Amino acid sequence: MLCCALCALSLPRDLRALPEGLNLAKLQGLPALKVGDVLLRYGLSVDSYVIAKLSESRFSHVGMVAAVSPDVQVIHATTDDDPRHQDQVILSPLSEFVYKAKRFAIKRYDLPEQAQDEIAKFLYSKLGEPFVLDGRKESLYCATLLRQALAPFVNVSPLVFHHLNVPGSAGWYLFPEDFWQDQRSQLLYQAELKDP
């Protein structure tokens, strides 16, 4: 599907997949995270470039903190973060989520305390469900997974679906950009890999 979108965009000549992304151990000033925190990233692949370009965003992927102890764990719907679990909702250590990022940010909604347990249960219940990006509003991919997790606690109507009329990929899509732009959440952190 993204192949069709690629045809519609003019890619920069020097676009290439970088061998590695941000190193969690080298990120300075990283705040203590909570379950329900939104993690945004702009990845290292051509797919990331295409998604960011189509959505006019600084980010191409979004996940959510599902556990903070003993280590921070992120649940997200992805196509290829884990070669053993492709095209599904997966659990990743924060270090792996960040390692696939050229740009990274953390945002936090003001959630009631009991929301953390319910969000974690919801996210874990989605593990292994298929990643589906087909232009339908009810499809399951990174942004819709988070929208569903937040819906009981946050008015999600400002997180709007956008219609794309791209050959082979036309339909309604929710983008990571909507989480980035949502003024109801607080920006806690951002980092970017500097080009060599």
C-alpha atoms as a PDB file:
ATOM      1  CA  MET A   1       0.000   0.000   0.000  1.00  0.00           C
ATOM      2  CA  LEU A   2       2.783   2.434   0.861  1.00  0.00           C
ATOM      3  CA  CYS A   3       4.425   1.519  -2.445  1.00  0.00           C
ATOM      4  CA  CYS A   4       1.550   3.260  -4.204  1.00  0.00           C
ATOM      5  CA  ALA A   5       1.975   6.266  -1.953  1.00  0.00           C
ATOM      6  CA  LEU A   6       5.681   6.282  -2.773  1.00  0.00           C
ATOM      7  CA  CYS A   7       4.868   6.688  -6.440  1.00  0.00           C
ATOM      8  CA  ALA A   8       2.882   9.814  -5.636  1.00  0.00           C
ATOM      9  CA  LEU A   9       5.762  11.497  -3.822  1.00  0.00           C
ATOM     10  CA  SER A  10       9.066  12.745  -5.031  1.00  0.00           C
ATOM     11  CA  LEU A  11      11.670  11.349  -2.677  1.00  0.00           C
ATOM     12  CA  PRO A  12      14.845  13.262  -1.910  1.00  0.00           C
ATOM     13  CA  ARG A  13      17.873  11.841  -3.707  1.00  0.00           C
ATOM     14  CA  ASP A  14      19.869  11.205  -0.561  1.00  0.00           C
ATOM     15  CA  LEU A  15      17.082   9.385   1.309  1.00  0.00           C
ATOM     16  CA  ARG A  16      18.473   6.157   2.691  1.00  0.00           C
ATOM     17  CA  ALA A  17      17.810   4.004   5.720  1.00  0.00           C
ATOM     18  CA  LEU A  18      20.190   4.890   8.510  1.00  0.00           C
ATOM     19  CA  PRO A  19      21.851   1.963  10.286  1.00  0.00           C
ATOM     20  CA  GLU A  20      20.760   3.018  13.753  1.00  0.00           C
ATOM     21  CA  GLY A  21      18.706   5.589  15.563  1.00  0.00           C
ATOM     22  CA  LEU A  22      18.734   7.281  18.931  1.00  0.00           C
ATOM     23  CA  ASN A  23      20.512   5.601  21.830  1.00  0.00           C
ATOM     24  CA  LEU A  24      18.366   5.601  24.963  1.00  0.00           C
ATOM     25  CA  ALA A  25      21.429   5.533  27.224  1.00  0.00           C
ATOM     26  CA  LYS A  26      22.673   8.770  25.660  1.00  0.00           C
ATOM     27  CA  LEU A  27      19.409  10.714  25.881  1.00  0.00           C
ATOM     28  CA  GLN A  28      19.773  13.422  28.505  1.00  0.00           C
ATOM     29  CA  GLY A  29      17.010  14.706  30.735  1.00  0.00           C
ATOM     30  CA  LEU A  30      14.553  11.898  29.960  1.00  0.00           C
ATOM     31  CA  PRO A  31      11.617  12.297  32.404  1.00  0.00           C
ATOM     32  CA  ALA A  32      10.119   9.538  34.529  1.00  0.00           C
ATOM     33  CA  LEU A  33       7.400   7.975  32.391  1.00  0.00           C
ATOM     34  CA  LYS A  34       3.866   6.898  33.266  1.00  0.00           C
ATOM     35  CA  VAL A  35       1.546   4.338  31.731  1.00  0.00           C
ATOM     36  CA  GLY A  36      -0.473   6.189  29.094  1.00  0.00           C
ATOM     37  CA  ASP A  37       2.342   8.481  27.971  1.00  0.00           C
ATOM     38  CA  VAL A  38       2.345   8.975  24.202  1.00  0.00           C
ATOM     39  CA  LEU A  39       5.637   8.302  22.408  1.00  0.00           C
ATOM     40  CA  LEU A  40       6.104   9.770  18.946  1.00  0.00           C
ATOM     41  CA  ARG A  41       8.899   8.979  16.544  1.00  0.00           C
ATOM     42  CA  TYR A  42      10.112   9.712  13.057  1.00  0.00           C
ATOM     43  CA  GLY A  43      11.805   6.528  11.929  1.00  0.00           C
ATOM     44  CA  LEU A  44      14.767   5.665   9.775  1.00  0.00           C
ATOM     45  CA  SER A  45      13.022   4.102   6.778  1.00  0.00           C
ATOM     46  CA  VAL A  46      11.484   5.287   3.540  1.00  0.00           C
ATOM     47  CA  ASP A  47       8.057   4.354   4.974  1.00  0.00           C
ATOM     48  CA  SER A  48       8.599   6.890   7.760  1.00  0.00           C
ATOM     49  CA  TYR A  49       9.451   9.571   5.240  1.00  0.00           C
ATOM     50  CA  VAL A  50       6.321   8.802   3.207  1.00  0.00           C
ATOM     51  CA  ILE A  51       3.976   8.843   6.224  1.00  0.00           C
ATOM     52  CA  ALA A  52       5.468  12.079   7.540  1.00  0.00           C
ATOM     53  CA  LYS A  53       5.246  13.658   4.097  1.00  0.00           C
ATOM     54  CA  LEU A  54       1.640  12.582   3.500  1.00  0.00           C
ATOM     55  CA  SER A  55       0.590  13.852   6.930  1.00  0.00           C
ATOM     56  CA  GLU A  56       2.788  16.957   6.815  1.00  0.00           C
ATOM     57  CA  SER A  57       4.190  15.882  10.169  1.00  0.00           C
ATOM     58  CA  ARG A  58       7.445  15.717  12.062  1.00  0.00           C
ATOM     59  CA  PHE A  59       6.494  12.175  13.135  1.00  0.00           C
ATOM     60  CA  SER A  60       5.506   8.953  11.414  1.00  0.00           C
ATOM     61  CA  HIS A  61       4.739   6.530  14.252  1.00  0.00           C
ATOM     62  CA  VAL A  62       3.213   6.573  17.715  1.00  0.00           C
ATOM     63  CA  GLY A  63       3.167   4.162  20.648  1.00  0.00           C
ATOM     64  CA  MET A  64       2.098   4.218  24.284  1.00  0.00           C
ATOM     65  CA  VAL A  65       3.819   3.358  27.548  1.00  0.00           C
ATOM     66  CA  ALA A  66       2.196   0.179  28.871  1.00  0.00           C
ATOM     67  CA  ALA A  67       4.517  -0.544  31.826  1.00  0.00           C
ATOM     68  CA  VAL A  68       7.228   1.319  33.712  1.00  0.00           C
ATOM     69  CA  SER A  69       8.564  -1.369  36.061  1.00  0.00           C
ATOM     70  CA  PRO A  70      10.970  -3.070  36.037  1.00  0.00           C
ATOM     71  CA  ASP A  71      11.619  -1.433  32.632  1.00  0.00           C
ATOM     72  CA  VAL A  72       9.609   0.891  30.415  1.00  0.00           C
ATOM     73  CA  GLN A  73       7.633  -1.101  27.837  1.00  0.00           C
ATOM     74  CA  VAL A  74       5.866   0.365  24.809  1.00  0.00           C
ATOM     75  CA  ILE A  75       2.899  -1.160  22.997  1.00  0.00           C
ATOM     76  CA  HIS A  76       2.402  -0.113  19.392  1.00  0.00           C
ATOM     77  CA  ALA A  77       0.955  -1.398  16.122  1.00  0.00           C
ATOM     78  CA  THR A  78       3.704  -1.767  13.553  1.00  0.00           C
ATOM     79  CA  THR A  79       4.600  -3.481  10.314  1.00  0.00           C
ATOM     80  CA  ASP A  80       8.236  -4.402  10.838  1.00  0.00           C
ATOM     81  CA  ASP A  81       9.713  -3.348  14.193  1.00  0.00           C
ATOM     82  CA  ASP A  82      10.060  -6.997  15.201  1.00  0.00           C
ATOM     83  CA  PRO A  83      10.810  -9.412  12.315  1.00  0.00           C
ATOM     84  CA  ARG A  84       9.326 -12.283  14.359  1.00  0.00           C
ATOM     85  CA  HIS A  85       6.030 -10.424  14.818  1.00  0.00           C
ATOM     86  CA  GLN A  86       5.339  -8.467  11.652  1.00  0.00           C
ATOM     87  CA  ASP A  87       2.156  -6.523  10.918  1.00  0.00           C
ATOM     88  CA  GLN A  88       0.711  -6.616  14.420  1.00  0.00           C
ATOM     89  CA  VAL A  89       0.486  -4.974  17.825  1.00  0.00           C
ATOM     90  CA  ILE A  90       3.720  -5.628  19.704  1.00  0.00           C
ATOM     91  CA  LEU A  91       5.480  -4.935  22.990  1.00  0.00           C
ATOM     92  CA  SER A  92       8.884  -3.238  22.736  1.00  0.00           C
ATOM     93  CA  PRO A  93      11.347  -2.074  25.374  1.00  0.00           C
ATOM     94  CA  LEU A  94      11.695   1.703  25.270  1.00  0.00           C
ATOM     95  CA  SER A  95      15.311   1.299  24.142  1.00  0.00           C
ATOM     96  CA  GLU A  96      14.195  -0.573  20.984  1.00  0.00           C
ATOM     97  CA  PHE A  97      11.408   1.895  20.244  1.00  0.00           C
ATOM     98  CA  VAL A  98      13.872   4.791  20.473  1.00  0.00           C
ATOM     99  CA  TYR A  99      16.614   2.960  18.554  1.00  0.00           C
ATOM    100  CA  LYS A 100      14.391   2.985  15.466  1.00  0.00           C
ATOM    101  CA  ALA A 101      13.905   6.762  15.732  1.00  0.00           C
ATOM    102  CA  LYS A 102      15.644   9.693  14.139  1.00  0.00           C
ATOM    103  CA  ARG A 103      13.294  12.044  16.015  1.00  0.00           C
ATOM    104  CA  PHE A 104      11.500  11.242  19.289  1.00  0.00           C
ATOM    105  CA  ALA A 105       9.021  13.020  21.588  1.00  0.00           C
ATOM    106  CA  ILE A 106       6.966  12.266  24.693  1.00  0.00           C
ATOM    107  CA  LYS A 107       3.571  13.798  25.417  1.00  0.00           C
ATOM    108  CA  ARG A 108       1.319  13.278  28.429  1.00  0.00           C
ATOM    109  CA  TYR A 109      -2.420  13.666  28.867  1.00  0.00           C
ATOM    110  CA  ASP A 110      -3.781  14.606  32.282  1.00  0.00           C
ATOM    111  CA  LEU A 111      -5.353  11.258  33.071  1.00  0.00           C
ATOM    112  CA  PRO A 112      -7.070  10.134  36.283  1.00  0.00           C
ATOM    113  CA  GLU A 113      -4.923   7.793  38.401  1.00  0.00           C
ATOM    114  CA  GLN A 114      -7.138   4.738  37.790  1.00  0.00           C
ATOM    115  CA  ALA A 115      -6.756   5.249  34.034  1.00  0.00           C
ATOM    116  CA  GLN A 116      -3.243   3.804  34.064  1.00  0.00           C
ATOM    117  CA  ASP A 117      -4.380   0.295  35.038  1.00  0.00           C
ATOM    118  CA  GLU A 118      -7.237   0.315  32.542  1.00  0.00           C
ATOM    119  CA  ILE A 119      -5.046   1.621  29.722  1.00  0.00           C
ATOM    120  CA  ALA A 120      -2.407  -1.021  30.447  1.00  0.00           C
ATOM    121  CA  LYS A 121      -5.045  -3.802  30.433  1.00  0.00           C
ATOM    122  CA  PHE A 122      -6.471  -2.529  27.160  1.00  0.00           C
ATOM    123  CA  LEU A 123      -3.065  -2.280  25.478  1.00  0.00           C
ATOM    124  CA  TYR A 124      -1.970  -5.757  26.597  1.00  0.00           C
ATOM    125  CA  SER A 125      -5.291  -7.177  25.363  1.00  0.00           C
ATOM    126  CA  LYS A 126      -4.428  -5.928  21.863  1.00  0.00           C
ATOM    127  CA  LEU A 127      -1.040  -7.685  21.612  1.00  0.00           C
ATOM    128  CA  GLY A 128      -0.852  -9.832  18.490  1.00  0.00           C
ATOM    129  CA  GLU A 129      -3.845  -8.239  16.774  1.00  0.00           C
ATOM    130  CA  PRO A 130      -3.202  -7.610  13.071  1.00  0.00           C
ATOM    131  CA  PHE A 131      -1.961  -4.254  11.832  1.00  0.00           C
ATOM    132  CA  VAL A 132      -4.488  -3.032   9.256  1.00  0.00           C
ATOM    133  CA  LEU A 133      -4.019   0.190   7.286  1.00  0.00           C
ATOM    134  CA  ASP A 134      -6.724   0.194   4.624  1.00  0.00           C
ATOM    135  CA  GLY A 135      -8.386   3.603   4.819  1.00  0.00           C
ATOM    136  CA  ARG A 136     -11.282   2.557   7.050  1.00  0.00           C
ATOM    137  CA  LYS A 137     -11.746   4.490  10.296  1.00  0.00           C
ATOM    138  CA  GLU A 138     -12.134   1.274  12.294  1.00  0.00           C
ATOM    139  CA  SER A 139      -8.794  -0.168  11.098  1.00  0.00           C
ATOM    140  CA  LEU A 140      -6.097  -0.954  13.666  1.00  0.00           C
ATOM    141  CA  TYR A 141      -2.731   0.756  13.275  1.00  0.00           C
ATOM    142  CA  CYS A 142      -0.505   2.835  15.525  1.00  0.00           C
ATOM    143  CA  ALA A 143      -2.628   5.993  15.804  1.00  0.00           C
ATOM    144  CA  THR A 144      -6.012   4.268  16.078  1.00  0.00           C
ATOM    145  CA  LEU A 145      -4.677   1.944  18.798  1.00  0.00           C
ATOM    146  CA  LEU A 146      -3.826   4.976  20.939  1.00  0.00           C
ATOM    147  CA  ARG A 147      -7.104   6.684  20.143  1.00  0.00           C
ATOM    148  CA  GLN A 148      -8.950   3.577  21.391  1.00  0.00           C
ATOM    149  CA  ALA A 149      -6.810   3.401  24.550  1.00  0.00           C
ATOM    150  CA  LEU A 150      -7.494   7.042  25.418  1.00  0.00           C
ATOM    151  CA  ALA A 151     -11.211   7.112  24.496  1.00  0.00           C
ATOM    152  CA  PRO A 152     -12.587   6.203  27.957  1.00  0.00           C
ATOM    153  CA  PHE A 153     -10.590   9.025  29.595  1.00  0.00           C
ATOM    154  CA  VAL A 154     -10.121  11.768  27.000  1.00  0.00           C
ATOM    155  CA  ASN A 155     -12.490  13.310  24.477  1.00  0.00           C
ATOM    156  CA  VAL A 156     -10.918  11.842  21.331  1.00  0.00           C
ATOM    157  CA  SER A 157     -13.088  13.775  18.861  1.00  0.00           C
ATOM    158  CA  PRO A 158     -10.315  16.391  18.286  1.00  0.00           C
ATOM    159  CA  LEU A 159      -8.126  13.509  17.025  1.00  0.00           C
ATOM    160  CA  VAL A 160      -9.689  13.631  13.581  1.00  0.00           C
ATOM    161  CA  PHE A 161      -9.393  11.358  10.588  1.00  0.00           C
ATOM    162  CA  HIS A 162      -8.089  12.925   7.396  1.00  0.00           C
ATOM    163  CA  HIS A 163      -9.144  11.841   3.924  1.00  0.00           C
ATOM    164  CA  LEU A 164      -6.308  10.965   1.570  1.00  0.00           C
ATOM    165  CA  ASN A 165      -6.910  10.516  -2.115  1.00  0.00           C
ATOM    166  CA  VAL A 166      -3.700   8.655  -2.934  1.00  0.00           C
ATOM    167  CA  PRO A 167      -3.972   6.025  -5.696  1.00  0.00           C
ATOM    168  CA  GLY A 168      -4.199   2.567  -4.134  1.00  0.00           C
ATOM    169  CA  SER A 169      -4.385   3.991  -0.597  1.00  0.00           C
ATOM    170  CA  ALA A 170      -7.385   6.329  -0.632  1.00  0.00           C
ATOM    171  CA  GLY A 171      -9.373   6.538   2.577  1.00  0.00           C
ATOM    172  CA  TRP A 172      -9.553   7.988   6.075  1.00  0.00           C
ATOM    173  CA  TYR A 173      -6.444   8.088   8.252  1.00  0.00           C
ATOM    174  CA  LEU A 174      -5.494   9.270  11.714  1.00  0.00           C
ATOM    175  CA  PHE A 175      -1.887  10.433  11.887  1.00  0.00           C
ATOM    176  CA  PRO A 176       0.687  10.703  14.678  1.00  0.00           C
ATOM    177  CA  GLU A 177       0.639  14.430  13.883  1.00  0.00           C
ATOM    178  CA  ASP A 178      -2.768  14.683  15.581  1.00  0.00           C
ATOM    179  CA  PHE A 179      -1.228  13.555  18.885  1.00  0.00           C
ATOM    180  CA  TRP A 180       1.703  15.937  18.382  1.00  0.00           C
ATOM    181  CA  GLN A 181      -0.623  18.900  17.741  1.00  0.00           C
ATOM    182  CA  ASP A 182      -3.116  18.090  20.519  1.00  0.00           C
ATOM    183  CA  GLN A 183      -2.794  21.016  22.933  1.00  0.00           C
ATOM    184  CA  ARG A 184      -4.539  19.056  25.695  1.00  0.00           C
ATOM    185  CA  SER A 185      -1.404  16.982  26.181  1.00  0.00           C
ATOM    186  CA  GLN A 186       1.839  18.296  27.608  1.00  0.00           C
ATOM    187  CA  LEU A 187       5.132  17.965  25.749  1.00  0.00           C
ATOM    188  CA  LEU A 188       7.564  16.358  28.202  1.00  0.00           C
ATOM    189  CA  TYR A 189      10.560  15.642  26.019  1.00  0.00           C
ATOM    190  CA  GLN A 190      11.969  15.684  22.515  1.00  0.00           C
ATOM    191  CA  ALA A 191      15.241  14.616  20.922  1.00  0.00           C
ATOM    192  CA  GLU A 192      16.605  14.315  17.415  1.00  0.00           C
ATOM    193  CA  LEU A 193      19.475  12.405  15.845  1.00  0.00           C
ATOM    194  CA  LYS A 194      21.860  14.809  14.189  1.00  0.00           C
ATOM    195  CA  ASP A 195      22.850  13.952  10.633  1.00  0.00           C
ATOM    196  CA  PRO A 196      26.543  13.033  10.260  1.00  0.00           C
END
